[in-house]
Protein backbone atom coordinates (compact mmCIF):
# COMPACT_ATOMS: atom_id res chain seq x y z
CA UNK A 1 64.82 -125.20 19.68
CA UNK A 2 67.34 -127.98 20.07
CA UNK A 3 66.40 -130.88 22.30
CA UNK A 4 68.59 -132.51 24.90
CA UNK A 5 68.10 -135.85 26.57
CA UNK A 6 68.10 -136.11 30.30
CA UNK A 7 68.83 -139.20 32.30
CA UNK A 8 66.02 -139.86 34.72
CA UNK A 9 66.62 -142.23 37.58
CA UNK A 10 64.35 -144.89 38.87
CA UNK A 11 63.32 -145.63 42.43
CA UNK A 12 62.24 -149.04 43.60
CA UNK A 13 58.96 -149.12 45.46
CA UNK A 14 58.02 -152.02 47.71
CA UNK A 15 54.91 -152.77 49.72
CA UNK A 16 53.86 -155.37 52.22
CA UNK A 17 51.41 -156.61 49.61
CA UNK A 18 54.30 -157.22 47.23
CA UNK A 19 55.95 -159.50 49.76
CA UNK A 20 52.87 -161.67 49.80
CA UNK A 21 52.68 -161.78 46.01
CA UNK A 22 56.23 -163.07 45.78
CA UNK A 23 54.98 -166.30 47.33
CA UNK A 24 52.66 -166.99 44.43
CA UNK A 25 53.46 -168.41 41.02
CA UNK A 26 50.55 -166.78 39.30
CA UNK A 27 50.27 -164.18 36.59
CA UNK A 28 48.63 -160.91 37.45
CA UNK A 29 47.70 -158.45 34.77
CA UNK A 30 45.80 -155.28 34.23
CA UNK A 31 42.02 -155.37 34.38
CA UNK A 32 40.13 -155.16 31.08
CA UNK A 33 36.73 -153.52 31.21
CA UNK A 34 34.41 -153.33 28.22
CA UNK A 35 31.70 -150.63 28.24
CA UNK A 36 28.08 -151.75 28.07
CA UNK A 37 26.97 -148.41 26.63
CA UNK A 38 29.79 -146.62 24.86
CA UNK A 39 27.74 -143.58 23.94
CA UNK A 40 26.63 -142.48 27.45
CA UNK A 41 60.96 -151.95 23.57
CA UNK A 42 63.60 -151.75 21.64
CA UNK A 43 63.14 -151.04 17.96
CA UNK A 44 66.05 -151.52 15.59
CA UNK A 45 67.00 -148.62 13.36
CA UNK A 46 68.81 -148.33 10.06
CA UNK A 47 72.40 -147.17 10.06
CA UNK A 48 71.49 -143.74 8.77
CA UNK A 49 68.63 -143.25 11.19
CA UNK A 50 69.11 -141.13 14.28
CA UNK A 51 66.96 -142.41 17.12
CA UNK A 52 65.34 -139.72 19.23
CA UNK A 53 64.44 -141.90 22.20
CA UNK A 54 67.05 -144.38 23.43
CA UNK A 55 65.70 -147.64 24.83
CA UNK A 56 66.33 -148.55 28.44
CA UNK A 57 66.76 -152.30 27.95
CA UNK A 58 68.14 -154.66 25.33
CA UNK A 59 65.84 -157.63 25.90
CA UNK A 60 62.12 -157.73 26.69
CA UNK A 61 61.69 -158.08 30.45
CA UNK A 62 60.38 -161.38 31.74
CA UNK A 63 56.77 -161.31 32.94
CA UNK A 64 56.68 -159.93 36.46
CA UNK A 65 53.36 -160.10 38.30
CA UNK A 66 54.45 -157.57 40.92
CA UNK A 67 55.57 -155.05 38.34
CA UNK A 68 52.50 -155.50 36.15
CA UNK A 69 50.01 -155.03 38.96
CA UNK A 70 51.87 -152.16 40.57
CA UNK A 71 52.15 -150.46 37.19
CA UNK A 72 48.38 -150.51 36.97
CA UNK A 73 48.15 -148.90 40.42
CA UNK A 74 50.66 -146.24 39.28
CA UNK A 75 52.01 -145.28 42.71
CA UNK A 76 52.71 -141.53 42.44
CA UNK A 77 55.87 -141.57 44.58
CA UNK A 78 57.68 -143.60 41.91
CA UNK A 79 60.10 -141.73 39.68
CA UNK A 80 59.40 -142.45 36.02
CA UNK A 81 61.10 -141.46 32.80
CA UNK A 82 59.31 -139.81 29.94
CA UNK A 83 60.44 -138.94 26.44
CA UNK A 84 57.86 -136.26 25.79
CA UNK A 85 59.36 -133.15 24.22
CA UNK A 86 62.58 -134.78 22.96
CA UNK A 87 63.40 -134.20 19.32
CA UNK A 88 66.26 -133.85 16.81
CA UNK A 89 68.11 -130.52 16.80
CA UNK A 90 66.29 -127.53 15.31
CA UNK A 91 62.88 -129.18 15.12
CA UNK A 92 60.06 -127.02 16.42
CA UNK A 93 57.17 -128.18 18.58
CA UNK A 94 53.88 -126.81 17.23
CA UNK A 95 51.12 -128.57 19.16
CA UNK A 96 50.40 -131.24 21.75
CA UNK A 97 47.18 -133.27 22.06
CA UNK A 98 46.87 -135.15 25.37
CA UNK A 99 44.38 -137.72 26.59
CA UNK A 100 44.54 -138.83 30.21
CA UNK A 101 42.68 -141.51 32.08
CA UNK A 102 41.36 -140.26 35.41
CA UNK A 103 43.48 -140.97 38.46
CA UNK A 104 43.03 -143.53 41.22
CA UNK A 105 39.41 -143.80 42.31
CA UNK A 106 37.24 -145.54 44.85
CA UNK A 107 35.56 -148.70 43.44
CA UNK A 108 32.48 -148.42 41.27
CA UNK A 109 31.07 -151.64 42.77
CA UNK A 110 30.80 -152.93 46.32
CA UNK A 111 31.31 -156.56 47.31
CA UNK A 112 28.21 -157.86 49.14
CA UNK A 113 28.49 -158.41 52.90
CA UNK A 114 31.90 -156.77 53.23
CA UNK A 115 33.00 -153.42 54.55
CA UNK A 116 34.00 -150.77 52.02
CA UNK A 117 37.69 -149.84 51.92
CA UNK A 118 38.52 -147.24 54.57
CA UNK A 119 39.84 -144.42 52.39
CA UNK A 120 39.57 -140.69 53.13
CA UNK A 121 38.82 -138.59 50.03
CA UNK A 122 39.28 -135.16 51.67
CA UNK A 123 42.55 -133.71 50.36
CA UNK A 124 45.26 -132.91 52.88
CA UNK A 125 48.85 -131.86 52.21
CA UNK A 126 49.79 -133.54 55.52
CA UNK A 127 48.70 -136.99 54.34
CA UNK A 128 50.60 -139.19 51.93
CA UNK A 129 50.82 -139.35 49.02
CA UNK A 130 51.37 -135.63 48.62
CA UNK A 131 52.86 -133.23 46.10
CA UNK A 132 54.55 -129.81 46.35
CA UNK A 133 51.63 -128.28 44.43
CA UNK A 134 48.85 -129.92 46.44
CA UNK A 135 48.22 -127.12 48.96
CA UNK A 136 48.14 -124.40 46.30
CA UNK A 137 45.96 -126.61 44.09
CA UNK A 138 43.38 -126.91 46.89
CA UNK A 139 43.34 -123.14 47.34
CA UNK A 140 43.14 -122.45 43.62
CA UNK A 141 40.12 -124.70 43.12
CA UNK A 142 38.14 -122.42 45.45
CA UNK A 143 38.38 -119.75 42.74
CA UNK A 144 36.80 -121.94 40.07
CA UNK A 145 33.68 -119.82 39.86
CA UNK A 146 35.67 -117.46 37.66
CA UNK A 147 36.03 -120.13 34.98
CA UNK A 148 33.68 -120.95 32.11
CA UNK A 149 31.87 -124.27 32.30
CA UNK A 150 29.87 -126.25 29.78
CA UNK A 151 26.50 -127.76 30.65
CA UNK A 152 26.37 -129.26 34.14
CA UNK A 153 30.13 -129.22 34.81
CA UNK A 154 29.89 -126.08 36.89
CA UNK A 155 27.78 -127.88 39.49
CA UNK A 156 30.28 -130.69 40.01
CA UNK A 157 32.74 -130.48 42.92
CA UNK A 158 36.20 -129.41 41.82
CA UNK A 159 37.82 -131.40 44.63
CA UNK A 160 37.14 -134.80 46.21
CA UNK A 161 35.43 -133.91 49.47
CA UNK A 162 34.14 -136.93 51.43
CA UNK A 163 35.87 -138.23 54.55
CA UNK A 164 34.66 -141.67 53.52
CA UNK A 165 35.02 -141.96 49.75
CA UNK A 166 31.91 -142.37 47.67
CA UNK A 167 31.61 -144.85 44.81
CA UNK A 168 33.84 -143.84 41.92
CA UNK A 169 35.24 -140.79 43.73
CA UNK A 170 38.74 -139.60 42.91
CA UNK A 171 41.14 -140.22 45.80
CA UNK A 172 44.04 -138.09 46.99
CA UNK A 173 46.29 -140.59 45.22
CA UNK A 174 44.42 -139.83 41.98
CA UNK A 175 44.85 -136.08 42.43
CA UNK A 176 48.58 -136.44 43.10
CA UNK A 177 48.99 -138.69 40.05
CA UNK A 178 47.57 -135.95 37.82
CA UNK A 179 49.52 -133.13 39.46
CA UNK A 180 52.59 -135.20 38.72
CA UNK A 181 51.48 -135.79 35.11
CA UNK A 182 50.92 -132.09 34.54
CA UNK A 183 54.18 -131.08 36.20
CA UNK A 184 56.10 -133.58 34.09
CA UNK A 185 54.63 -132.26 30.83
CA UNK A 186 55.12 -128.65 31.96
CA UNK A 187 58.84 -129.30 32.18
CA UNK A 188 58.78 -131.05 28.80
CA UNK A 189 56.66 -128.58 26.84
CA UNK A 190 56.70 -125.20 28.58
CA UNK A 191 60.11 -125.06 30.23
CA UNK A 192 61.84 -126.64 27.25
CA UNK A 193 59.75 -125.46 24.30
CA UNK A 194 57.65 -122.54 25.56
CA UNK A 195 54.56 -124.14 24.04
CA UNK A 196 52.29 -121.75 25.93
CA UNK A 197 53.62 -118.32 26.82
CA UNK A 198 52.69 -116.66 30.11
CA UNK A 199 50.15 -114.51 28.25
CA UNK A 200 48.50 -117.47 26.49
CA UNK A 201 45.16 -116.81 24.87
CA UNK A 202 41.96 -118.69 25.77
CA UNK A 203 41.72 -120.22 22.30
CA UNK A 204 45.17 -121.75 22.61
CA UNK A 205 43.98 -124.15 25.31
CA UNK A 206 41.24 -126.72 24.75
CA UNK A 207 40.01 -128.72 27.76
CA UNK A 208 37.23 -131.32 27.61
CA UNK A 209 35.96 -133.94 30.03
CA UNK A 210 33.04 -136.22 30.65
CA UNK A 211 30.42 -135.29 33.21
CA UNK A 212 31.94 -137.39 36.00
CA UNK A 213 33.58 -135.68 38.95
CA UNK A 214 36.61 -137.98 38.73
CA UNK A 215 37.42 -136.91 35.16
CA UNK A 216 36.73 -133.23 35.82
CA UNK A 217 38.91 -133.24 38.94
CA UNK A 218 41.64 -135.22 37.17
CA UNK A 219 41.68 -132.72 34.32
CA UNK A 220 41.90 -129.77 36.70
CA UNK A 221 44.73 -131.39 38.67
CA UNK A 222 46.63 -132.10 35.46
CA UNK A 223 46.07 -128.55 34.25
CA UNK A 224 47.26 -127.06 37.53
CA UNK A 225 50.44 -129.15 37.34
CA UNK A 226 50.91 -127.96 33.76
CA UNK A 227 49.98 -124.31 34.37
CA UNK A 228 50.27 -123.61 38.11
CA UNK A 229 47.94 -120.81 39.25
CA UNK A 230 46.40 -120.57 35.77
CA UNK A 231 44.02 -117.68 35.13
CA UNK A 232 40.50 -119.04 35.60
CA UNK A 233 39.00 -116.26 33.48
CA UNK A 234 40.85 -117.59 30.42
CA UNK A 235 39.74 -121.20 30.92
CA UNK A 236 36.71 -122.90 29.37
CA UNK A 237 36.01 -126.51 30.32
CA UNK A 238 33.86 -128.34 27.78
CA UNK A 239 31.75 -131.41 28.40
CA UNK A 240 31.72 -134.56 26.30
CA UNK A 241 28.44 -136.42 26.78
CA UNK A 242 29.89 -139.72 25.58
CA UNK A 243 32.76 -141.61 27.15
CA UNK A 244 33.99 -142.15 23.58
CA UNK A 245 34.41 -138.38 23.02
CA UNK A 246 32.52 -138.79 19.76
CA UNK A 247 30.91 -135.33 19.83
CA UNK A 248 28.39 -134.98 17.01
CA UNK A 249 29.44 -138.30 15.41
CA UNK A 250 28.20 -140.80 17.97
CA UNK A 251 25.57 -142.43 15.74
CA UNK A 252 27.26 -145.64 14.60
CA UNK A 253 25.07 -148.78 14.63
CA UNK A 254 27.87 -151.07 13.44
CA UNK A 255 30.06 -150.04 16.37
CA UNK A 256 27.39 -151.12 18.82
CA UNK A 257 26.94 -154.45 17.03
CA UNK A 258 30.67 -155.16 17.12
CA UNK A 259 30.64 -154.38 20.83
CA UNK A 260 27.71 -156.73 21.39
CA UNK A 261 29.55 -159.52 19.57
CA UNK A 262 32.70 -158.87 21.60
CA UNK A 263 30.78 -158.97 24.88
CA UNK A 264 29.19 -162.30 23.93
CA UNK A 265 32.63 -163.68 23.06
CA UNK A 266 33.96 -162.45 26.38
CA UNK A 267 31.06 -164.07 28.25
CA UNK A 268 31.63 -167.44 26.53
CA UNK A 269 35.32 -167.35 27.32
CA UNK A 270 34.66 -166.50 30.95
CA UNK A 271 32.00 -169.16 31.56
CA UNK A 272 34.16 -171.82 29.90
CA UNK A 273 36.94 -171.23 32.42
CA UNK A 274 36.41 -173.98 35.01
CA UNK A 275 38.97 -172.60 37.47
CA UNK A 276 37.36 -169.17 37.38
CA UNK A 277 33.91 -170.64 38.01
CA UNK A 278 35.19 -172.67 40.98
CA UNK A 279 36.84 -169.56 42.36
CA UNK A 280 33.63 -167.54 42.16
CA UNK A 281 31.76 -170.35 43.91
CA UNK A 282 34.38 -170.44 46.68
CA UNK A 283 34.35 -166.65 47.08
CA UNK A 284 30.56 -166.61 47.25
CA UNK A 285 30.52 -169.32 49.94
CA UNK A 286 33.17 -167.42 51.88
CA UNK A 287 30.97 -164.34 51.98
CA UNK A 288 27.68 -166.16 52.28
CA UNK A 289 26.10 -164.81 49.09
CA UNK A 290 24.84 -166.33 45.85
CA UNK A 291 27.50 -166.84 43.19
CA UNK A 292 25.60 -164.79 40.61
CA UNK A 293 25.31 -161.94 43.12
CA UNK A 294 29.06 -161.90 43.70
CA UNK A 295 29.83 -162.06 39.99
CA UNK A 296 27.46 -159.18 39.27
CA UNK A 297 29.28 -157.10 41.90
CA UNK A 298 32.46 -157.25 39.76
CA UNK A 299 34.67 -158.05 42.77
CA UNK A 300 37.94 -157.42 40.91
CA UNK A 301 37.21 -153.68 40.91
CA UNK A 302 37.08 -153.53 44.71
CA UNK A 303 39.96 -155.98 45.11
CA UNK A 304 42.16 -153.76 42.96
CA UNK A 305 41.41 -150.86 45.29
CA UNK A 306 42.46 -152.90 48.32
CA UNK A 307 45.60 -154.04 46.48
CA UNK A 308 46.64 -150.60 45.22
CA UNK A 309 46.14 -148.98 48.64
CA UNK A 310 47.93 -151.75 50.54
CA UNK A 311 44.77 -152.76 52.41
CA UNK A 312 43.88 -156.31 53.50
CA UNK A 313 41.44 -158.02 51.19
CA UNK A 314 37.81 -157.74 52.38
CA UNK A 315 36.26 -160.10 54.89
CA UNK A 316 32.67 -161.12 55.43
CA UNK A 317 30.76 -159.10 58.01
CA UNK A 318 28.63 -162.15 58.90
CA UNK A 319 30.67 -165.30 58.26
CA UNK A 320 33.55 -166.82 60.26
CA UNK A 321 36.05 -169.44 59.26
CA UNK A 322 35.60 -172.93 60.81
CA UNK A 323 37.79 -173.53 63.86
CA UNK A 324 38.91 -169.91 63.82
CA UNK A 325 36.28 -167.88 65.67
CA UNK A 326 38.48 -164.82 65.99
CA UNK A 327 39.07 -164.49 62.25
CA UNK A 328 36.62 -163.36 59.60
CA UNK A 329 36.05 -165.29 56.37
CA UNK A 330 38.09 -163.29 53.91
CA UNK A 331 38.78 -163.13 50.23
CA UNK A 332 42.39 -163.89 49.39
CA UNK A 333 45.15 -163.05 47.00
CA UNK A 334 44.68 -166.48 45.43
CA UNK A 335 41.09 -165.59 44.51
CA UNK A 336 42.29 -162.32 43.03
CA UNK A 337 45.04 -164.08 41.07
CA UNK A 338 42.64 -166.47 39.36
CA UNK A 339 40.45 -163.60 38.16
CA UNK A 340 43.46 -161.73 36.82
CA UNK A 341 44.82 -164.88 35.14
CA UNK A 342 41.51 -165.28 33.32
CA UNK A 343 41.73 -161.69 32.14
CA UNK A 344 45.17 -162.48 30.70
CA UNK A 345 43.69 -165.37 28.75
CA UNK A 346 40.84 -163.17 27.58
CA UNK A 347 43.27 -160.51 26.39
CA UNK A 348 44.99 -163.03 24.11
CA UNK A 349 41.73 -164.40 22.75
CA UNK A 350 40.40 -160.89 22.19
CA UNK A 351 43.30 -160.08 19.88
CA UNK A 352 42.85 -163.37 18.02
CA UNK A 353 39.11 -162.86 17.50
CA UNK A 354 39.54 -159.31 16.18
CA UNK A 355 36.06 -158.16 17.18
CA UNK A 356 37.33 -155.63 19.67
CA UNK A 357 39.69 -154.08 17.10
CA UNK A 358 36.73 -153.51 14.76
CA UNK A 359 34.74 -151.97 17.57
CA UNK A 360 37.75 -149.86 18.56
CA UNK A 361 38.27 -148.39 15.08
CA UNK A 362 34.69 -147.08 15.02
CA UNK A 363 34.77 -146.03 18.69
CA UNK A 364 38.01 -144.04 18.39
CA UNK A 365 37.58 -142.45 14.97
CA UNK A 366 35.61 -139.31 15.97
CA UNK A 367 38.23 -138.29 18.54
CA UNK A 368 41.09 -139.10 16.16
CA UNK A 369 39.41 -137.24 13.33
CA UNK A 370 38.99 -134.07 15.40
CA UNK A 371 42.61 -134.31 16.52
CA UNK A 372 43.82 -134.87 12.96
CA UNK A 373 41.87 -131.84 11.69
CA UNK A 374 43.33 -129.64 14.43
CA UNK A 375 46.88 -130.82 13.76
CA UNK A 376 46.52 -130.28 10.02
CA UNK A 377 45.24 -126.71 10.47
CA UNK A 378 48.21 -125.91 12.66
CA UNK A 379 50.61 -127.65 10.29
CA UNK A 380 49.36 -125.64 7.34
CA UNK A 381 50.03 -122.47 9.26
CA UNK A 382 46.38 -121.59 9.76
CA UNK A 383 46.39 -121.22 13.50
CA UNK A 384 43.94 -118.42 12.90
CA UNK A 385 41.15 -120.77 11.80
CA UNK A 386 38.01 -118.85 10.91
CA UNK A 387 39.35 -115.92 12.87
CA UNK A 388 39.96 -117.98 16.00
CA UNK A 389 43.27 -118.89 17.55
CA UNK A 390 43.90 -122.63 17.17
CA UNK A 391 44.50 -124.71 20.31
CA UNK A 392 48.15 -125.67 20.64
CA UNK A 393 47.37 -127.74 23.75
CA UNK A 394 44.26 -129.94 23.76
CA UNK A 395 43.48 -131.94 26.89
CA UNK A 396 40.88 -134.71 27.08
CA UNK A 397 40.23 -136.10 30.56
CA UNK A 398 38.69 -139.50 29.98
CA UNK A 399 38.20 -143.10 31.13
CA UNK A 400 39.76 -146.50 30.51
CA UNK A 401 36.87 -147.26 28.15
CA UNK A 402 37.92 -144.17 26.16
CA UNK A 403 41.63 -144.83 26.00
CA UNK A 404 41.60 -148.62 25.51
CA UNK A 405 39.81 -148.52 22.13
CA UNK A 406 41.96 -145.58 21.07
CA UNK A 407 45.11 -147.63 21.68
CA UNK A 408 43.63 -150.60 19.82
CA UNK A 409 42.56 -148.45 16.86
CA UNK A 410 46.11 -147.09 16.59
CA UNK A 411 47.46 -150.64 16.47
CA UNK A 412 48.93 -150.41 19.98
CA UNK A 413 47.09 -153.38 21.46
CA UNK A 414 50.30 -154.56 23.10
CA UNK A 415 50.79 -151.30 24.99
CA UNK A 416 48.82 -152.57 27.99
CA UNK A 417 45.50 -151.66 29.50
CA UNK A 418 45.39 -148.02 30.69
CA UNK A 419 46.59 -147.69 34.26
CA UNK A 420 45.26 -145.03 36.59
CA UNK A 421 46.34 -141.61 35.26
CA UNK A 422 47.63 -143.09 32.01
CA UNK A 423 48.54 -140.49 29.41
CA UNK A 424 48.52 -140.68 25.61
CA UNK A 425 50.22 -137.81 23.78
CA UNK A 426 50.30 -136.72 20.13
CA UNK A 427 53.09 -134.24 19.34
CA UNK A 428 53.27 -132.17 16.13
CA UNK A 429 56.75 -131.15 14.98
CA UNK A 430 58.13 -129.18 12.05
CA UNK A 431 61.59 -129.78 10.65
CA UNK A 432 63.86 -126.99 9.42
CA UNK A 433 62.38 -125.85 6.10
CA UNK A 434 64.43 -125.66 2.95
CA UNK A 435 64.05 -122.66 0.67
CA UNK A 436 62.47 -124.89 -1.96
CA UNK A 437 59.76 -126.04 0.44
CA UNK A 438 59.16 -122.48 1.56
CA UNK A 439 58.30 -121.57 -2.06
CA UNK A 440 55.86 -124.49 -2.48
CA UNK A 441 52.95 -123.94 -0.14
CA UNK A 442 51.20 -127.05 -1.46
CA UNK A 443 54.03 -129.10 0.05
CA UNK A 444 53.71 -127.48 3.45
CA UNK A 445 52.96 -130.83 5.13
CA UNK A 446 56.15 -132.39 3.79
CA UNK A 447 58.16 -131.14 6.75
CA UNK A 448 55.52 -131.88 9.39
CA UNK A 449 55.88 -134.89 11.68
CA UNK A 450 54.02 -136.63 14.48
CA UNK A 451 55.07 -138.55 17.56
CA UNK A 452 52.82 -140.78 19.65
CA UNK A 453 53.81 -141.41 23.26
CA UNK A 454 52.06 -143.60 25.80
CA UNK A 455 53.03 -143.09 29.44
CA UNK A 456 56.23 -141.43 28.32
CA UNK A 457 57.35 -144.14 25.88
CA UNK A 458 57.69 -143.30 22.21
CA UNK A 459 55.50 -145.84 20.38
CA UNK A 460 55.25 -143.94 17.10
CA UNK A 461 56.83 -146.69 15.02
CA UNK A 462 54.60 -149.31 16.62
CA UNK A 463 51.45 -147.59 15.36
CA UNK A 464 49.52 -149.00 12.41
CA UNK A 465 50.10 -145.81 10.41
CA UNK A 466 53.88 -145.65 10.80
CA UNK A 467 54.92 -149.26 11.35
CA UNK A 468 55.99 -149.61 7.72
CA UNK A 469 57.68 -146.22 7.49
CA UNK A 470 61.13 -146.51 5.95
CA UNK A 471 63.38 -146.70 9.00
CA UNK A 472 66.38 -145.88 6.88
CA UNK A 473 64.88 -142.56 5.96
CA UNK A 474 66.92 -139.46 6.62
CA UNK A 475 63.98 -138.23 8.72
CA UNK A 476 63.84 -139.70 12.23
CA UNK A 477 60.15 -138.88 12.78
CA UNK A 478 56.90 -140.11 11.27
CA UNK A 479 55.33 -137.92 8.56
CA UNK A 480 52.10 -136.25 9.60
CA UNK A 481 50.63 -137.28 6.25
CA UNK A 482 50.76 -140.93 7.35
CA UNK A 483 48.54 -140.12 10.31
CA UNK A 484 46.09 -138.04 8.28
CA UNK A 485 45.69 -140.79 5.65
CA UNK A 486 45.22 -143.40 8.36
CA UNK A 487 42.50 -141.49 10.19
CA UNK A 488 40.60 -140.50 7.05
CA UNK A 489 40.71 -143.79 5.17
CA UNK A 490 43.24 -146.49 6.00
CA UNK A 491 42.00 -147.31 9.50
CA UNK A 492 38.72 -148.57 8.03
CA UNK A 493 40.43 -151.39 6.13
CA UNK A 494 39.88 -153.65 9.13
CA UNK A 495 36.10 -153.29 8.69
CA UNK A 496 36.21 -153.42 4.87
CA UNK A 497 35.17 -149.80 4.41
CA UNK A 498 36.69 -146.56 3.19
CA UNK A 499 34.95 -144.05 5.46
CA UNK A 500 33.42 -143.72 8.90
CA UNK A 501 29.89 -143.30 7.57
CA UNK A 502 30.18 -146.35 5.33
CA UNK A 503 31.65 -148.44 8.14
CA UNK A 504 29.02 -147.35 10.66
CA UNK A 505 26.01 -148.14 8.50
CA UNK A 506 27.06 -151.32 6.74
CA UNK A 507 25.78 -154.73 7.79
CA UNK A 508 27.81 -156.51 10.46
CA UNK A 509 27.93 -160.28 9.91
């Protein structure tokens, strides 16, 4: 099927919070969280190269604290472009592998001696943000007993359902973000390419999630946007016990040692930041708690929730400001800005140190290896693998601590920390076959290509496996063989190994 490019407009979203931020000359950036237990632009082209995805700007945009922070929040009423599903004429889409980060959630930590954010987690089509599919999504989730569920997933709620959100609970904003994600990819892959026919078979769809309600609900919302009113009886939802989606390959001692080294580096960098330490002391005094207690509460997590929902920053329930008896002692945007500035510094140092990249390669390999094997089977024409229909759509509903190492392992460390409802997509394409290739089955992969898109942007030629691909090639896409070689051997160069097993069990200095 030939592909056409559509122009997608942009809307400008403003908030009262944004007006306050304009008054600051600070840098805000996305939060960077490292798991403590991982197992529980414009790119120039050659003259002969046809670019599939035109770039929307000619120069890198200047740093914009409002844009960066709002991008992390991912307000679902914004119109965004996406280049998923676009290809040269006559190329055929064979498979799509999608990983999403769960949508907007209530904080995982509470700030001592402050009130929790007042957010209602019961879904209502009458409350904003909303979506045209929200009402039917709510009704359809009531039929979930007809589906097939792995392990304990069947006992989890399929919808957020507390009038006062619980810790880590998916919000209505998070549900709408994923409905929007699914609807966007439905237009790209089903309406344009008929990736899944109306009579799709159960084996053609692979859905997996961790055992958290926010990832399960995010996956279901995405799936409903992608396949509205899908047949529950044909759906199986599988559970991944590890946030790394490592399946049966989670045993990797070296990965844990690299993570431990990275966390110690992060701690040293944080404690050496005098401005950050003074800020924590000031925040603790404002709330009337010990500094170590405030730090352990990870206040940036709750502050991000207040920021993204346009709520005032939290105030102490016991303290008052001097000479202002009618006002509570409150945390401020300046406090928030210092924490985010430190995270920016840490991001730069993390890349320089290289410890996180080594951790990321070992953390992401099992998921990448399973994806590579699936794509190769489809590419070789063996969709009937061991008598079973191969999944042409694979969905993994995951966390930031799943997606961040995956991006790093792919060499996309500059892509930015995963925002709420971030999406990472691997597309498998076949080019028109020549008669010669049709006769040589051993060269079947020669006309198979891969695209990697992050939040709708084509980053294929920024990946470690296709960065050096000849841009003057007659082929405008990246050969699938590059990806397969990278996953099975080349990605381990950074840890001086040639295989996952060797890398996992060698000594870490």
